[in-house]
C-alpha atoms as a PDB file:
ATOM      1  CA  PRO A   1     -14.285  79.086  -9.775  1.00  0.00           C
ATOM      2  CA  SER A   2     -15.369  78.498 -13.381  1.00  0.00           C
ATOM      3  CA  SER A   3     -13.051  78.470 -16.362  1.00  0.00           C
ATOM      4  CA  ASN A   4     -14.533  81.787 -17.591  1.00  0.00           C
ATOM      5  CA  SER A   5     -13.721  83.605 -14.362  1.00  0.00           C
ATOM      6  CA  PRO A   6     -11.339  86.570 -14.656  1.00  0.00           C
ATOM      7  CA  PRO A   7      -7.757  86.125 -13.410  1.00  0.00           C
ATOM      8  CA  TYR A   8      -8.222  88.380 -10.384  1.00  0.00           C
ATOM      9  CA  ALA A   9     -11.218  86.259  -9.226  1.00  0.00           C
ATOM     10  CA  VAL A  10      -9.122  83.092  -9.448  1.00  0.00           C
ATOM     11  CA  SER A  11      -6.293  84.691  -7.489  1.00  0.00           C
ATOM     12  CA  ASP A  12      -8.723  85.904  -4.826  1.00  0.00           C
ATOM     13  CA  TRP A  13     -10.199  82.419  -4.528  1.00  0.00           C
ATOM     14  CA  LEU A  14      -6.731  80.851  -4.195  1.00  0.00           C
ATOM     15  CA  GLN A  15      -5.770  83.411  -1.580  1.00  0.00           C
ATOM     16  CA  SER A  16      -8.960  82.752   0.409  1.00  0.00           C
ATOM     17  CA  GLN A  17      -8.291  78.992   0.269  1.00  0.00           C
ATOM     18  CA  GLN A  18      -4.723  79.535   1.431  1.00  0.00           C
ATOM     19  CA  LEU A  19      -5.912  81.677   4.360  1.00  0.00           C
ATOM     20  CA  PHE A  20      -8.464  78.992   5.287  1.00  0.00           C
ATOM     21  CA  VAL A  21      -5.776  76.282   5.282  1.00  0.00           C
ATOM     22  CA  ILE A  22      -3.452  78.465   7.357  1.00  0.00           C
ATOM     23  CA  ALA A  23      -6.197  79.220   9.887  1.00  0.00           C
ATOM     24  CA  THR A  24      -6.952  75.489  10.149  1.00  0.00           C
ATOM     25  CA  LEU A  25      -3.286  74.667  10.723  1.00  0.00           C
ATOM     26  CA  VAL A  26      -3.082  77.354  13.402  1.00  0.00           C
ATOM     27  CA  ARG A  27      -6.057  75.850  15.250  1.00  0.00           C
ATOM     28  CA  ILE A  28      -4.577  72.348  14.980  1.00  0.00           C
ATOM     29  CA  LYS A  29      -1.263  73.645  16.279  1.00  0.00           C
ATOM     30  CA  GLY A  30      -2.937  75.328  19.248  1.00  0.00           C
ATOM     31  CA  CYS A  31      -4.912  72.170  20.087  1.00  0.00           C
ATOM     32  CA  LEU A  32      -1.736  70.057  19.957  1.00  0.00           C
ATOM     33  CA  TYR A  33       0.047  72.478  22.272  1.00  0.00           C
ATOM     34  CA  LEU A  34      -2.872  72.433  24.715  1.00  0.00           C
ATOM     35  CA  ALA A  35      -3.295  68.631  24.744  1.00  0.00           C
ATOM     36  CA  ASN A  36       0.448  68.113  25.130  1.00  0.00           C
ATOM     37  CA  PHE A  37       0.654  70.633  27.963  1.00  0.00           C
ATOM     38  CA  ILE A  38      -2.197  68.982  29.899  1.00  0.00           C
ATOM     39  CA  PHE A  39      -0.823  65.445  29.485  1.00  0.00           C
ATOM     40  CA  ILE A  40       2.823  66.251  30.280  1.00  0.00           C
ATOM     41  CA  THR A  41       1.883  68.426  33.273  1.00  0.00           C
ATOM     42  CA  ALA A  42      -0.405  65.709  34.690  1.00  0.00           C
ATOM     43  CA  VAL A  43       2.256  63.004  34.381  1.00  0.00           C
ATOM     44  CA  THR A  44       4.920  65.331  35.818  1.00  0.00           C
ATOM     45  CA  ILE A  45       2.759  66.050  38.881  1.00  0.00           C
ATOM     46  CA  LEU A  46       2.166  62.304  39.334  1.00  0.00           C
ATOM     47  CA  ILE A  47       5.886  61.509  39.137  1.00  0.00           C
ATOM     48  CA  VAL A  48       6.862  64.362  41.483  1.00  0.00           C
ATOM     49  CA  LYS A  49       4.284  63.272  44.067  1.00  0.00           C
ATOM     50  CA  THR A  50       5.532  59.691  43.839  1.00  0.00           C
ATOM     51  CA  MET A  51       9.143  60.808  44.287  1.00  0.00           C
ATOM     52  CA  ARG A  52       8.360  62.949  47.334  1.00  0.00           C
ATOM     53  CA  LYS A  53       6.936  59.966  49.191  1.00  0.00           C
ATOM     54  CA  LYS A  54      10.093  57.896  48.712  1.00  0.00           C
ATOM     55  CA  PRO A  55      13.346  59.534  49.922  1.00  0.00           C
ATOM     56  CA  THR A  56      15.590  57.142  47.973  1.00  0.00           C
ATOM     57  CA  MET A  57      14.018  58.256  44.666  1.00  0.00           C
ATOM     58  CA  LYS A  58      14.481  61.941  45.532  1.00  0.00           C
ATOM     59  CA  LYS A  59      18.241  61.391  45.821  1.00  0.00           C
ATOM     60  CA  GLU A  60      18.626  59.714  42.420  1.00  0.00           C
ATOM     61  CA  ILE A  61      19.902  61.990  39.672  1.00  0.00           C
ATOM     62  CA  ARG A  62      17.989  60.208  36.888  1.00  0.00           C
ATOM     63  CA  TYR A  63      14.652  61.214  38.419  1.00  0.00           C
ATOM     64  CA  PHE A  64      15.929  64.742  38.998  1.00  0.00           C
ATOM     65  CA  LEU A  65      16.832  65.041  35.302  1.00  0.00           C
ATOM     66  CA  LEU A  66      13.581  63.353  34.256  1.00  0.00           C
ATOM     67  CA  CYS A  67      11.475  65.868  36.189  1.00  0.00           C
ATOM     68  CA  HIS A  68      13.508  68.739  34.758  1.00  0.00           C
ATOM     69  CA  HIS A  69      13.096  67.358  31.230  1.00  0.00           C
ATOM     70  CA  LEU A  70       9.323  67.017  31.661  1.00  0.00           C
ATOM     71  CA  LEU A  71       9.108  70.492  33.198  1.00  0.00           C
ATOM     72  CA  CYS A  72      10.903  71.976  30.182  1.00  0.00           C
ATOM     73  CA  SER A  73       8.592  70.090  27.800  1.00  0.00           C
ATOM     74  CA  SER A  74       5.549  71.417  29.663  1.00  0.00           C
ATOM     75  CA  LEU A  75       6.896  74.982  29.585  1.00  0.00           C
ATOM     76  CA  TYR A  76       7.683  74.654  25.878  1.00  0.00           C
ATOM     77  CA  CYS A  77       4.044  73.777  25.147  1.00  0.00           C
ATOM     78  CA  CYS A  78       2.811  76.547  27.454  1.00  0.00           C
ATOM     79  CA  PHE A  79       4.863  79.256  25.737  1.00  0.00           C
ATOM     80  CA  GLY A  80       3.952  77.699  22.400  1.00  0.00           C
ATOM     81  CA  MET A  81       0.275  78.317  23.161  1.00  0.00           C
ATOM     82  CA  VAL A  82       1.049  81.927  24.127  1.00  0.00           C
ATOM     83  CA  SER A  83       3.131  82.471  20.990  1.00  0.00           C
ATOM     84  CA  ASN A  84       0.404  80.919  18.850  1.00  0.00           C
ATOM     85  CA  MET A  85      -2.251  83.254  20.279  1.00  0.00           C
ATOM     86  CA  ILE A  86       0.023  86.264  19.766  1.00  0.00           C
ATOM     87  CA  GLN A  87       0.438  85.344  16.101  1.00  0.00           C
ATOM     88  CA  MET A  88      -3.302  84.794  15.652  1.00  0.00           C
ATOM     89  CA  PHE A  89      -4.365  88.100  17.230  1.00  0.00           C
ATOM     90  CA  HIS A  90      -1.481  90.157  15.755  1.00  0.00           C
ATOM     91  CA  VAL A  91      -0.170  91.481  19.045  1.00  0.00           C
ATOM     92  CA  LYS A  92       2.634  94.061  19.117  1.00  0.00           C
ATOM     93  CA  GLN A  93       6.057  93.202  17.778  1.00  0.00           C
ATOM     94  CA  VAL A  94       7.972  93.179  21.081  1.00  0.00           C
ATOM     95  CA  TRP A  95       5.784  90.421  22.544  1.00  0.00           C
ATOM     96  CA  ILE A  96       6.422  88.218  19.523  1.00  0.00           C
ATOM     97  CA  TRP A  97      10.164  88.441  20.137  1.00  0.00           C
ATOM     98  CA  ILE A  98       9.847  87.856  23.909  1.00  0.00           C
ATOM     99  CA  THR A  99       7.586  84.801  23.735  1.00  0.00           C
ATOM    100  CA  PHE A 100       9.491  83.272  20.841  1.00  0.00           C
ATOM    101  CA  GLY A 101      12.798  83.873  22.627  1.00  0.00           C
ATOM    102  CA  VAL A 102      11.594  82.173  25.806  1.00  0.00           C
ATOM    103  CA  GLN A 103      10.140  79.260  23.853  1.00  0.00           C
ATOM    104  CA  ALA A 104      13.364  78.863  21.853  1.00  0.00           C
ATOM    105  CA  ALA A 105      15.425  78.803  25.062  1.00  0.00           C
ATOM    106  CA  VAL A 106      13.117  76.213  26.646  1.00  0.00           C
ATOM    107  CA  GLY A 107      13.169  74.126  23.457  1.00  0.00           C
ATOM    108  CA  LYS A 108      16.972  74.031  23.531  1.00  0.00           C
ATOM    109  CA  THR A 109      16.827  73.023  27.200  1.00  0.00           C
ATOM    110  CA  VAL A 110      14.523  70.104  26.303  1.00  0.00           C
ATOM    111  CA  LEU A 111      17.166  68.717  23.942  1.00  0.00           C
ATOM    112  CA  VAL A 112      20.038  69.432  26.339  1.00  0.00           C
ATOM    113  CA  THR A 113      18.316  67.629  29.229  1.00  0.00           C
ATOM    114  CA  LEU A 114      17.739  64.685  26.888  1.00  0.00           C
ATOM    115  CA  ALA A 115      21.489  64.540  26.296  1.00  0.00           C
ATOM    116  CA  LEU A 116      22.166  64.886  30.044  1.00  0.00           C
ATOM    117  CA  MET A 117      19.834  61.953  30.762  1.00  0.00           C
ATOM    118  CA  ALA A 118      21.767  59.785  28.288  1.00  0.00           C
ATOM    119  CA  MET A 119      25.108  60.863  29.797  1.00  0.00           C
ATOM    120  CA  ASN A 120      23.828  60.195  33.322  1.00  0.00           C
ATOM    121  CA  THR A 121      22.743  56.651  32.433  1.00  0.00           C
ATOM    122  CA  CYS A 122      26.058  56.004  30.686  1.00  0.00           C
ATOM    123  CA  LEU A 123      28.106  57.180  33.679  1.00  0.00           C
ATOM    124  CA  ALA A 124      25.938  55.237  36.146  1.00  0.00           C
ATOM    125  CA  ILE A 125      26.470  51.949  34.295  1.00  0.00           C
ATOM    126  CA  CYS A 126      30.005  52.319  32.929  1.00  0.00           C
ATOM    127  CA  TRP A 127      31.602  54.038  35.961  1.00  0.00           C
ATOM    128  CA  PRO A 128      29.411  53.083  38.944  1.00  0.00           C
ATOM    129  CA  LEU A 129      32.065  53.712  41.623  1.00  0.00           C
ATOM    130  CA  ARG A 130      32.942  57.293  40.695  1.00  0.00           C
ATOM    131  CA  TYR A 131      29.475  58.240  39.456  1.00  0.00           C
ATOM    132  CA  PRO A 132      27.503  59.108  42.650  1.00  0.00           C
ATOM    133  CA  ALA A 133      29.950  61.459  44.356  1.00  0.00           C
ATOM    134  CA  PHE A 134      30.807  63.315  41.155  1.00  0.00           C
ATOM    135  CA  LEU A 135      27.307  63.903  39.769  1.00  0.00           C
ATOM    136  CA  HIS A 136      25.691  64.737  43.108  1.00  0.00           C
ATOM    137  CA  ALA A 137      28.276  67.485  43.519  1.00  0.00           C
ATOM    138  CA  VAL A 138      27.729  69.076  40.086  1.00  0.00           C
ATOM    139  CA  LYS A 139      24.071  68.410  39.185  1.00  0.00           C
ATOM    140  CA  LEU A 140      22.725  71.814  40.279  1.00  0.00           C
ATOM    141  CA  ARG A 141      25.641  73.660  38.676  1.00  0.00           C
ATOM    142  CA  VAL A 142      25.087  71.814  35.408  1.00  0.00           C
ATOM    143  CA  ILE A 143      21.360  72.664  35.316  1.00  0.00           C
ATOM    144  CA  ILE A 144      22.063  76.330  36.109  1.00  0.00           C
ATOM    145  CA  CYS A 145      24.724  76.467  33.370  1.00  0.00           C
ATOM    146  CA  VAL A 146      22.300  74.850  30.911  1.00  0.00           C
ATOM    147  CA  TRP A 147      19.623  77.471  31.568  1.00  0.00           C
ATOM    148  CA  ILE A 148      22.085  80.375  31.427  1.00  0.00           C
ATOM    149  CA  GLY A 149      23.663  79.052  28.237  1.00  0.00           C
ATOM    150  CA  THR A 150      20.380  78.465  26.377  1.00  0.00           C
ATOM    151  CA  ILE A 151      19.010  81.870  27.414  1.00  0.00           C
ATOM    152  CA  LEU A 152      22.188  83.655  26.308  1.00  0.00           C
ATOM    153  CA  ILE A 153      22.206  81.839  22.959  1.00  0.00           C
ATOM    154  CA  SER A 154      18.558  82.722  22.329  1.00  0.00           C
ATOM    155  CA  VAL A 155      19.052  86.367  23.336  1.00  0.00           C
ATOM    156  CA  CYS A 156      22.105  86.763  21.076  1.00  0.00           C
ATOM    157  CA  LEU A 157      20.335  85.158  18.123  1.00  0.00           C
ATOM    158  CA  ILE A 158      17.230  87.313  18.606  1.00  0.00           C
ATOM    159  CA  ILE A 159      19.297  90.517  18.824  1.00  0.00           C
ATOM    160  CA  ALA A 160      21.160  89.581  15.649  1.00  0.00           C
ATOM    161  CA  GLU A 161      17.925  88.628  13.849  1.00  0.00           C
ATOM    162  CA  SER A 162      15.911  91.679  14.914  1.00  0.00           C
ATOM    163  CA  ALA A 163      18.462  93.971  13.260  1.00  0.00           C
ATOM    164  CA  TYR A 164      17.106  93.155   9.782  1.00  0.00           C
ATOM    165  CA  SER A 165      13.954  91.054  10.269  1.00  0.00           C
ATOM    166  CA  ASP A 166      10.415  92.037  11.270  1.00  0.00           C
ATOM    167  CA  PRO A 167       8.563  89.259  13.126  1.00  0.00           C
ATOM    168  CA  GLU A 168       5.171  90.659  12.125  1.00  0.00           C
ATOM    169  CA  GLU A 169       6.012  90.172   8.438  1.00  0.00           C
ATOM    170  CA  VAL A 170       7.112  86.601   9.129  1.00  0.00           C
ATOM    171  CA  SER A 171       3.886  85.878  10.997  1.00  0.00           C
ATOM    172  CA  GLU A 172       1.754  87.294   8.187  1.00  0.00           C
ATOM    173  CA  VAL A 173       3.535  85.288   5.481  1.00  0.00           C
ATOM    174  CA  GLU A 174       3.891  82.094   7.459  1.00  0.00           C
ATOM    175  CA  LEU A 175       1.336  82.099  10.244  1.00  0.00           C
ATOM    176  CA  SER A 176       0.954  78.330  10.557  1.00  0.00           C
ATOM    177  CA  CYS A 177       4.580  77.501  11.378  1.00  0.00           C
ATOM    178  CA  PRO A 178       6.756  80.634  11.684  1.00  0.00           C
ATOM    179  CA  ALA A 179      10.526  80.511  12.081  1.00  0.00           C
ATOM    180  CA  LEU A 180      11.738  83.905  13.230  1.00  0.00           C
ATOM    181  CA  LEU A 181      15.384  82.845  13.561  1.00  0.00           C
ATOM    182  CA  SER A 182      16.208  82.027   9.952  1.00  0.00           C
ATOM    183  CA  SER A 183      19.405  83.892   9.097  1.00  0.00           C
ATOM    184  CA  ASN A 184      22.422  81.870   8.002  1.00  0.00           C
ATOM    185  CA  PHE A 185      24.108  82.438  11.363  1.00  0.00           C
ATOM    186  CA  ALA A 186      21.008  81.231  13.250  1.00  0.00           C
ATOM    187  CA  LYS A 187      20.685  78.182  10.987  1.00  0.00           C
ATOM    188  CA  ILE A 188      24.342  77.225  11.402  1.00  0.00           C
ATOM    189  CA  THR A 189      24.202  77.734  15.175  1.00  0.00           C
ATOM    190  CA  GLY A 190      21.011  75.699  15.555  1.00  0.00           C
ATOM    191  CA  ILE A 191      22.182  72.843  13.345  1.00  0.00           C
ATOM    192  CA  ALA A 192      25.577  72.750  15.085  1.00  0.00           C
ATOM    193  CA  LEU A 193      23.910  72.556  18.521  1.00  0.00           C
ATOM    194  CA  ILE A 194      21.554  69.769  17.413  1.00  0.00           C
ATOM    195  CA  LEU A 195      24.402  67.783  15.837  1.00  0.00           C
ATOM    196  CA  LEU A 196      26.526  68.231  18.972  1.00  0.00           C
ATOM    197  CA  LEU A 197      23.733  66.946  21.210  1.00  0.00           C
ATOM    198  CA  SER A 198      23.094  64.080  18.773  1.00  0.00           C
ATOM    199  CA  ALA A 199      26.765  63.114  18.930  1.00  0.00           C
ATOM    200  CA  ILE A 200      26.695  63.162  22.754  1.00  0.00           C
ATOM    201  CA  ILE A 201      23.552  60.998  22.889  1.00  0.00           C
ATOM    202  CA  THR A 202      24.892  58.550  20.273  1.00  0.00           C
ATOM    203  CA  THR A 203      28.221  58.227  22.096  1.00  0.00           C
ATOM    204  CA  ALA A 204      26.487  57.630  25.426  1.00  0.00           C
ATOM    205  CA  TYR A 205      24.268  54.904  23.973  1.00  0.00           C
ATOM    206  CA  PHE A 206      27.254  53.333  22.219  1.00  0.00           C
ATOM    207  CA  PHE A 207      29.071  52.950  25.543  1.00  0.00           C
ATOM    208  CA  LEU A 208      25.855  51.686  27.139  1.00  0.00           C
ATOM    209  CA  TYR A 209      25.424  49.053  24.441  1.00  0.00           C
ATOM    210  CA  ARG A 210      29.066  48.002  24.670  1.00  0.00           C
ATOM    211  CA  GLU A 211      28.920  47.680  28.456  1.00  0.00           C
ATOM    212  CA  GLY A 212      25.580  45.860  28.339  1.00  0.00           C
ATOM    213  CA  LYS A 213      26.831  43.432  25.714  1.00  0.00           C
ATOM    214  CA  HIS A 214      29.980  42.809  27.747  1.00  0.00           C
ATOM    215  CA  ARG A 215      27.856  41.953  30.809  1.00  0.00           C
ATOM    216  CA  GLY A 216      25.477  39.786  28.783  1.00  0.00           C
ATOM    217  CA  HIS A 217      22.403  42.012  28.988  1.00  0.00           C
ATOM    218  CA  PHE A 218      21.781  42.051  25.219  1.00  0.00           C
ATOM    219  CA  ASN A 219      21.594  38.319  24.619  1.00  0.00           C
ATOM    220  CA  SER A 220      18.882  36.671  22.537  1.00  0.00           C
ATOM    221  CA  SER A 221      16.676  35.950  25.579  1.00  0.00           C
ATOM    222  CA  ASN A 222      16.640  39.512  26.947  1.00  0.00           C
ATOM    223  CA  LYS A 223      13.851  41.059  24.853  1.00  0.00           C
ATOM    224  CA  LYS A 224      13.212  43.898  27.302  1.00  0.00           C
ATOM    225  CA  ALA A 225      16.703  45.372  26.842  1.00  0.00           C
ATOM    226  CA  ARG A 226      16.364  45.316  23.064  1.00  0.00           C
ATOM    227  CA  LYS A 227      12.925  46.926  23.256  1.00  0.00           C
ATOM    228  CA  THR A 228      14.311  49.663  25.505  1.00  0.00           C
ATOM    229  CA  ILE A 229      17.070  50.462  23.011  1.00  0.00           C
ATOM    230  CA  ILE A 230      14.551  50.554  20.140  1.00  0.00           C
ATOM    231  CA  PHE A 231      12.107  52.782  22.044  1.00  0.00           C
ATOM    232  CA  HIS A 232      14.836  55.206  23.092  1.00  0.00           C
ATOM    233  CA  GLY A 233      16.309  55.288  19.583  1.00  0.00           C
ATOM    234  CA  LEU A 234      12.930  56.114  18.016  1.00  0.00           C
ATOM    235  CA  GLN A 235      12.198  58.687  20.709  1.00  0.00           C
ATOM    236  CA  ILE A 236      15.511  60.481  20.159  1.00  0.00           C
ATOM    237  CA  SER A 237      15.094  60.401  16.361  1.00  0.00           C
ATOM    238  CA  PHE A 238      11.642  62.025  16.727  1.00  0.00           C
ATOM    239  CA  TYR A 239      13.361  64.826  18.650  1.00  0.00           C
ATOM    240  CA  ILE A 240      16.446  65.296  16.477  1.00  0.00           C
ATOM    241  CA  ILE A 241      15.220  64.846  12.884  1.00  0.00           C
ATOM    242  CA  PRO A 242      12.233  67.288  13.048  1.00  0.00           C
ATOM    243  CA  SER A 243      14.425  69.878  14.776  1.00  0.00           C
ATOM    244  CA  LEU A 244      16.995  69.608  11.986  1.00  0.00           C
ATOM    245  CA  ILE A 245      14.311  69.910   9.290  1.00  0.00           C
ATOM    246  CA  ILE A 246      12.737  73.010  10.850  1.00  0.00           C
ATOM    247  CA  ARG A 247      16.118  74.640  11.414  1.00  0.00           C
ATOM    248  CA  ALA A 248      17.418  73.847   7.908  1.00  0.00           C
ATOM    249  CA  ILE A 249      14.317  75.096   6.036  1.00  0.00           C
ATOM    250  CA  GLY A 250      14.063  78.405   7.908  1.00  0.00           C
ATOM    251  CA  LYS A 251      11.167  80.685   6.959  1.00  0.00           C
ATOM    252  CA  ASP A 252      10.642  79.618   3.358  1.00  0.00           C
ATOM    253  CA  ALA A 253       6.854  79.680   2.902  1.00  0.00           C
ATOM    254  CA  LYS A 254       7.035  77.027   0.154  1.00  0.00           C
ATOM    255  CA  TYR A 255       7.818  74.287   2.695  1.00  0.00           C
ATOM    256  CA  THR A 256       5.188  75.177   5.296  1.00  0.00           C
ATOM    257  CA  ALA A 257       3.596  71.713   5.028  1.00  0.00           C
ATOM    258  CA  VAL A 258       6.948  69.999   5.592  1.00  0.00           C
ATOM    259  CA  LYS A 259       7.717  72.159   8.620  1.00  0.00           C
ATOM    260  CA  PHE A 260       4.246  71.612  10.030  1.00  0.00           C
ATOM    261  CA  ALA A 261       4.678  67.835   9.703  1.00  0.00           C
ATOM    262  CA  ALA A 262       8.061  68.094  11.439  1.00  0.00           C
ATOM    263  CA  PHE A 263       6.432  70.152  14.185  1.00  0.00           C
ATOM    264  CA  VAL A 264       3.769  67.457  14.695  1.00  0.00           C
ATOM    265  CA  PHE A 265       6.461  64.770  15.040  1.00  0.00           C
ATOM    266  CA  PHE A 266       8.359  66.931  17.546  1.00  0.00           C
ATOM    267  CA  ILE A 267       5.192  67.499  19.602  1.00  0.00           C
ATOM    268  CA  PHE A 268       4.397  63.777  19.645  1.00  0.00           C
ATOM    269  CA  ALA A 269       7.975  63.072  20.736  1.00  0.00           C
ATOM    270  CA  GLN A 270       7.404  65.331  23.732  1.00  0.00           C
ATOM    271  CA  SER A 271       4.144  63.568  24.595  1.00  0.00           C
ATOM    272  CA  PHE A 272       5.918  60.188  24.442  1.00  0.00           C
ATOM    273  CA  SER A 273       8.723  61.314  26.782  1.00  0.00           C
ATOM    274  CA  PRO A 274       6.726  60.817  30.024  1.00  0.00           C
ATOM    275  CA  VAL A 275       5.917  57.274  28.894  1.00  0.00           C
ATOM    276  CA  VAL A 276       9.315  56.249  27.481  1.00  0.00           C
ATOM    277  CA  TYR A 277      11.461  57.750  30.243  1.00  0.00           C
ATOM    278  CA  GLY A 278       8.972  57.782  33.125  1.00  0.00           C
ATOM    279  CA  LEU A 279       6.033  55.394  33.143  1.00  0.00           C
ATOM    280  CA  ARG A 280       8.024  52.513  31.599  1.00  0.00           C
ATOM    281  CA  ASN A 281      10.378  52.668  34.586  1.00  0.00           C
ATOM    282  CA  LYS A 282       9.753  49.589  36.747  1.00  0.00           C
ATOM    283  CA  GLU A 283      10.427  51.345  40.055  1.00  0.00           C
ATOM    284  CA  LEU A 284       8.039  54.178  39.208  1.00  0.00           C
ATOM    285  CA  GLN A 285       5.400  51.720  38.068  1.00  0.00           C
ATOM    286  CA  GLU A 286       5.595  49.837  41.359  1.00  0.00           C
ATOM    287  CA  GLU A 287       5.392  53.020  43.443  1.00  0.00           C
ATOM    288  CA  ILE A 288       2.458  54.406  41.445  1.00  0.00           C
ATOM    289  CA  CYS A 289       0.591  51.086  41.693  1.00  0.00           C
ATOM    290  CA  MET A 290       1.361  50.778  45.419  1.00  0.00           C
ATOM    291  CA  ARG A 291      -0.330  54.093  46.268  1.00  0.00           C
ATOM    292  CA  PRO A 292      -3.937  52.869  45.849  1.00  0.00           C
ATOM    293  CA  ARG A 293      -3.017  49.594  47.552  1.00  0.00           C
ATOM    294  CA  ARG A 294      -1.643  51.477  50.546  1.00  0.00           C
ATOM    295  CA  LYS A 295      -4.813  53.548  50.763  1.00  0.00           C
ATOM    296  CA  LEU A 296      -6.904  50.390  50.526  1.00  0.00           C
ATOM    297  CA  SER A 297      -4.858  48.599  53.189  1.00  0.00           C
ATOM    298  CA  SER A 298      -5.088  51.580  55.538  1.00  0.00           C
ATOM    299  CA  ASN A 299      -8.872  51.667  55.082  1.00  0.00           C
ATOM    300  CA  ASP A 300      -9.084  47.930  55.756  1.00  0.00           C
ATOM    301  CA  LEU A 301      -6.983  48.346  58.890  1.00  0.00           C
ATOM    302  CA  GLY A 302      -9.251  51.145  60.092  1.00  0.00           C
ATOM    303  CA  ASN A 303     -12.357  49.034  59.488  1.00  0.00           C
ATOM    304  CA  LEU A 304     -10.792  46.095  61.319  1.00  0.00           C
ATOM    305  CA  GLN A 305      -9.948  48.237  64.322  1.00  0.00           C
ATOM    306  CA  LEU A 306     -13.499  49.647  64.321  1.00  0.00           C
ATOM    307  CA  GLN A 307     -14.963  46.136  64.289  1.00  0.00           C
ATOM    308  CA  LYS A 308     -12.735  45.112  67.205  1.00  0.00           C
ATOM    309  CA  LEU A 309     -13.830  48.157  69.148  1.00  0.00           C
ATOM    310  CA  GLN A 310     -17.495  47.378  68.532  1.00  0.00           C
ATOM    311  CA  LEU A 311     -17.013  43.756  69.669  1.00  0.00           C
ATOM    312  CA  THR A 312     -15.293  44.818  72.895  1.00  0.00           C
ATOM    313  CA  GLN A 313     -18.052  47.311  73.629  1.00  0.00           C
ATOM    314  CA  SER A 314     -20.768  44.728  73.014  1.00  0.00           C
ATOM    315  CA  SER A 315     -19.014  42.183  75.269  1.00  0.00           C
ATOM    316  CA  GLU A 316     -18.709  44.739  78.054  1.00  0.00           C
ATOM    317  CA  ASN A 317     -22.403  45.574  77.830  1.00  0.00           C
ATOM    318  CA  GLN A 318     -23.323  41.910  78.173  1.00  0.00           C
END
């Protein structure tokens, strides 16, 4: 607008620009959810198929937790897409609460399973004799308790928030990155949960590092161990720090850009999880690479048997 434009024209232009930016951020957010969902689901299916063909891998708790972690990440992106569409098309209020509640519960489960994976690795290395019998007995109970606990926490927070907050107003003010649970109680609860999980993960990796250093795994020649620690540390920080930022800011519309950047980091952390915790695993790599070789060898064996059969038939005819 020109300098001679009336004030109401300038305000209308600024409002239209703000709506355009918000609509663009919403589309970017939906595309990130969709791409993440496709990639994580594809890798999860590949890992599950690989595990089913090897009974020893099916019995290992680390792969059980890995599949559960990837499943939760995939569900988080799926419900994120649904929640994003509900906000875009201004669907009724009750569906906003339901989809956001389910997504919040699944998001908590993603972080909890990350902590369980760190604890599982710590127990497997530091207490190898007592580890198998104990964790095989409690793994299903732990997962069930995790789901029940995260669902109950989300339901309680949503009930407390819905008493004085309207999700439609939040979506209209802050469509690009809404935070429906933004009361002081919800902020304190969310930050406390994230800090607790961070403390569990840090403690587990501390014991892992101490045990590995004691056994000589972190010497100057072992570059792979150091790279693994660095990759896992960056991966966990991409999960924890954006979650803390989003939870601490709440639904203040002034910091929408900061929350959107934190959301992008959190989404990329989820897309890196199948690679960091799954495809970098040596045993999984060998099994995935052996599948086409086995198909090729079986085809070669079939061709060889066919050639032998043709030779015997030709000799008999002569």
